[in-house]
Amino acid sequence: MATVTMYATGTCPFCIRAKQLLTQRGVSDLVEIRVDQDPSQRAVMMELSGRRTVPQIFIGQRHVGGCDDLFDLDGSGQLEALLAA
């Protein structure tokens, strides 16, 4: 299974939903980078994704976007293929 990295905060409902979906799809080793605990990581996230909001999700080296983007990938059947790579 591909490595999944998510930039998140502890109280963001979109982060929580994204994490739940990833868990349902079998992701057990989610690398969660909490930008609320380490604000310097927000700058890293913005550099990598070009976005300011959380969550920002990466599967392997591919930036897949935020929560809505993740659910769109799942709905189209592409998420499982990305995770399996």
C-alpha atoms as a PDB file:
ATOM      1  CA  MET A   1       0.000   0.000   0.000  1.00  0.00           C
ATOM      2  CA  ALA A   2       1.193   3.494  -0.839  1.00  0.00           C
ATOM      3  CA  THR A   3       2.300   5.839   1.916  1.00  0.00           C
ATOM      4  CA  VAL A   4      -0.404   8.374   2.771  1.00  0.00           C
ATOM      5  CA  THR A   5       0.565  11.713   4.310  1.00  0.00           C
ATOM      6  CA  MET A   6      -2.021  14.189   5.526  1.00  0.00           C
ATOM      7  CA  TYR A   7      -1.417  17.712   6.774  1.00  0.00           C
ATOM      8  CA  ALA A   8      -4.141  18.364   9.335  1.00  0.00           C
ATOM      9  CA  THR A   9      -5.270  19.965  12.563  1.00  0.00           C
ATOM     10  CA  GLY A  10      -6.795  18.149  15.506  1.00  0.00           C
ATOM     11  CA  THR A  11     -10.179  19.879  15.396  1.00  0.00           C
ATOM     12  CA  CYS A  12     -10.820  20.184  11.655  1.00  0.00           C
ATOM     13  CA  PRO A  13     -13.991  18.249  10.744  1.00  0.00           C
ATOM     14  CA  PHE A  14     -12.765  17.778   7.163  1.00  0.00           C
ATOM     15  CA  CYS A  15      -9.523  16.262   8.465  1.00  0.00           C
ATOM     16  CA  ILE A  16     -11.494  13.884  10.650  1.00  0.00           C
ATOM     17  CA  ARG A  17     -13.738  12.822   7.732  1.00  0.00           C
ATOM     18  CA  ALA A  18     -10.744  12.297   5.435  1.00  0.00           C
ATOM     19  CA  LYS A  19      -8.983  10.223   8.063  1.00  0.00           C
ATOM     20  CA  GLN A  20     -12.107   8.096   8.575  1.00  0.00           C
ATOM     21  CA  LEU A  21     -12.405   7.413   4.842  1.00  0.00           C
ATOM     22  CA  LEU A  22      -8.742   6.475   4.580  1.00  0.00           C
ATOM     23  CA  THR A  23      -9.122   4.108   7.535  1.00  0.00           C
ATOM     24  CA  GLN A  24     -12.187   2.523   5.909  1.00  0.00           C
ATOM     25  CA  ARG A  25     -10.121   1.982   2.745  1.00  0.00           C
ATOM     26  CA  GLY A  26      -7.448   0.109   4.698  1.00  0.00           C
ATOM     27  CA  VAL A  27      -4.872   2.806   5.416  1.00  0.00           C
ATOM     28  CA  SER A  28      -3.352   1.852   8.750  1.00  0.00           C
ATOM     29  CA  ASP A  29      -0.101   3.819   8.687  1.00  0.00           C
ATOM     30  CA  LEU A  30      -1.319   7.343   7.961  1.00  0.00           C
ATOM     31  CA  VAL A  31       1.458   9.904   8.379  1.00  0.00           C
ATOM     32  CA  GLU A  32      -0.396  12.807   9.978  1.00  0.00           C
ATOM     33  CA  ILE A  33       1.442  16.115  10.166  1.00  0.00           C
ATOM     34  CA  ARG A  34      -0.327  18.428  12.581  1.00  0.00           C
ATOM     35  CA  VAL A  35       0.101  22.039  11.497  1.00  0.00           C
ATOM     36  CA  ASP A  36      -1.639  23.205  14.679  1.00  0.00           C
ATOM     37  CA  GLN A  37       1.090  21.619  16.802  1.00  0.00           C
ATOM     38  CA  ASP A  38       3.962  22.668  14.533  1.00  0.00           C
ATOM     39  CA  PRO A  39       3.048  25.862  12.654  1.00  0.00           C
ATOM     40  CA  SER A  40       6.249  25.718  10.585  1.00  0.00           C
ATOM     41  CA  GLN A  41       4.764  22.687   8.821  1.00  0.00           C
ATOM     42  CA  ARG A  42       2.011  24.871   7.315  1.00  0.00           C
ATOM     43  CA  ALA A  43       4.662  26.629   5.212  1.00  0.00           C
ATOM     44  CA  VAL A  44       5.960  23.220   4.067  1.00  0.00           C
ATOM     45  CA  MET A  45       2.401  22.144   3.239  1.00  0.00           C
ATOM     46  CA  MET A  46       1.778  25.326   1.258  1.00  0.00           C
ATOM     47  CA  GLU A  47       5.016  24.886  -0.674  1.00  0.00           C
ATOM     48  CA  LEU A  48       4.157  21.290  -1.578  1.00  0.00           C
ATOM     49  CA  SER A  49       0.459  21.724  -2.332  1.00  0.00           C
ATOM     50  CA  GLY A  50       0.024  25.367  -3.277  1.00  0.00           C
ATOM     51  CA  ARG A  51      -2.886  25.449  -0.837  1.00  0.00           C
ATOM     52  CA  ARG A  52      -3.364  26.957   2.605  1.00  0.00           C
ATOM     53  CA  THR A  53      -6.256  24.942   4.031  1.00  0.00           C
ATOM     54  CA  VAL A  54      -6.259  21.546   5.725  1.00  0.00           C
ATOM     55  CA  PRO A  55      -6.404  18.731   5.092  1.00  0.00           C
ATOM     56  CA  GLN A  56      -3.895  18.372   2.289  1.00  0.00           C
ATOM     57  CA  ILE A  57      -3.439  14.741   1.366  1.00  0.00           C
ATOM     58  CA  PHE A  58      -0.617  13.023  -0.478  1.00  0.00           C
ATOM     59  CA  ILE A  59      -0.680   9.426  -1.666  1.00  0.00           C
ATOM     60  CA  GLY A  60       2.899   8.470  -2.358  1.00  0.00           C
ATOM     61  CA  GLN A  61       4.354  11.564  -4.016  1.00  0.00           C
ATOM     62  CA  ARG A  62       1.022  12.599  -5.574  1.00  0.00           C
ATOM     63  CA  HIS A  63      -0.922  15.492  -4.083  1.00  0.00           C
ATOM     64  CA  VAL A  64      -4.587  14.478  -4.235  1.00  0.00           C
ATOM     65  CA  GLY A  65      -5.979  17.606  -2.583  1.00  0.00           C
ATOM     66  CA  GLY A  66      -8.312  18.052   0.346  1.00  0.00           C
ATOM     67  CA  CYS A  67     -11.258  16.183   1.822  1.00  0.00           C
ATOM     68  CA  ASP A  68     -13.681  16.831  -1.044  1.00  0.00           C
ATOM     69  CA  ASP A  69     -11.035  15.799  -3.568  1.00  0.00           C
ATOM     70  CA  LEU A  70     -10.434  12.572  -1.636  1.00  0.00           C
ATOM     71  CA  PHE A  71     -14.154  11.743  -1.582  1.00  0.00           C
ATOM     72  CA  ASP A  72     -14.384  12.504  -5.319  1.00  0.00           C
ATOM     73  CA  LEU A  73     -11.526  10.065  -5.974  1.00  0.00           C
ATOM     74  CA  ASP A  74     -13.277   7.453  -3.868  1.00  0.00           C
ATOM     75  CA  GLY A  75     -16.605   7.995  -5.631  1.00  0.00           C
ATOM     76  CA  SER A  76     -14.991   7.593  -9.051  1.00  0.00           C
ATOM     77  CA  GLY A  77     -13.235   4.388  -8.002  1.00  0.00           C
ATOM     78  CA  GLN A  78      -9.736   5.841  -8.369  1.00  0.00           C
ATOM     79  CA  LEU A  79      -8.815   5.991  -4.675  1.00  0.00           C
ATOM     80  CA  GLU A  80      -8.342   2.263  -4.218  1.00  0.00           C
ATOM     81  CA  ALA A  81      -6.058   2.094  -7.261  1.00  0.00           C
ATOM     82  CA  LEU A  82      -3.920   4.942  -5.913  1.00  0.00           C
ATOM     83  CA  LEU A  83      -3.683   3.292  -2.507  1.00  0.00           C
ATOM     84  CA  ALA A  84      -2.713  -0.044  -4.042  1.00  0.00           C
ATOM     85  CA  ALA A  85       0.165   1.437  -6.052  1.00  0.00           C
END
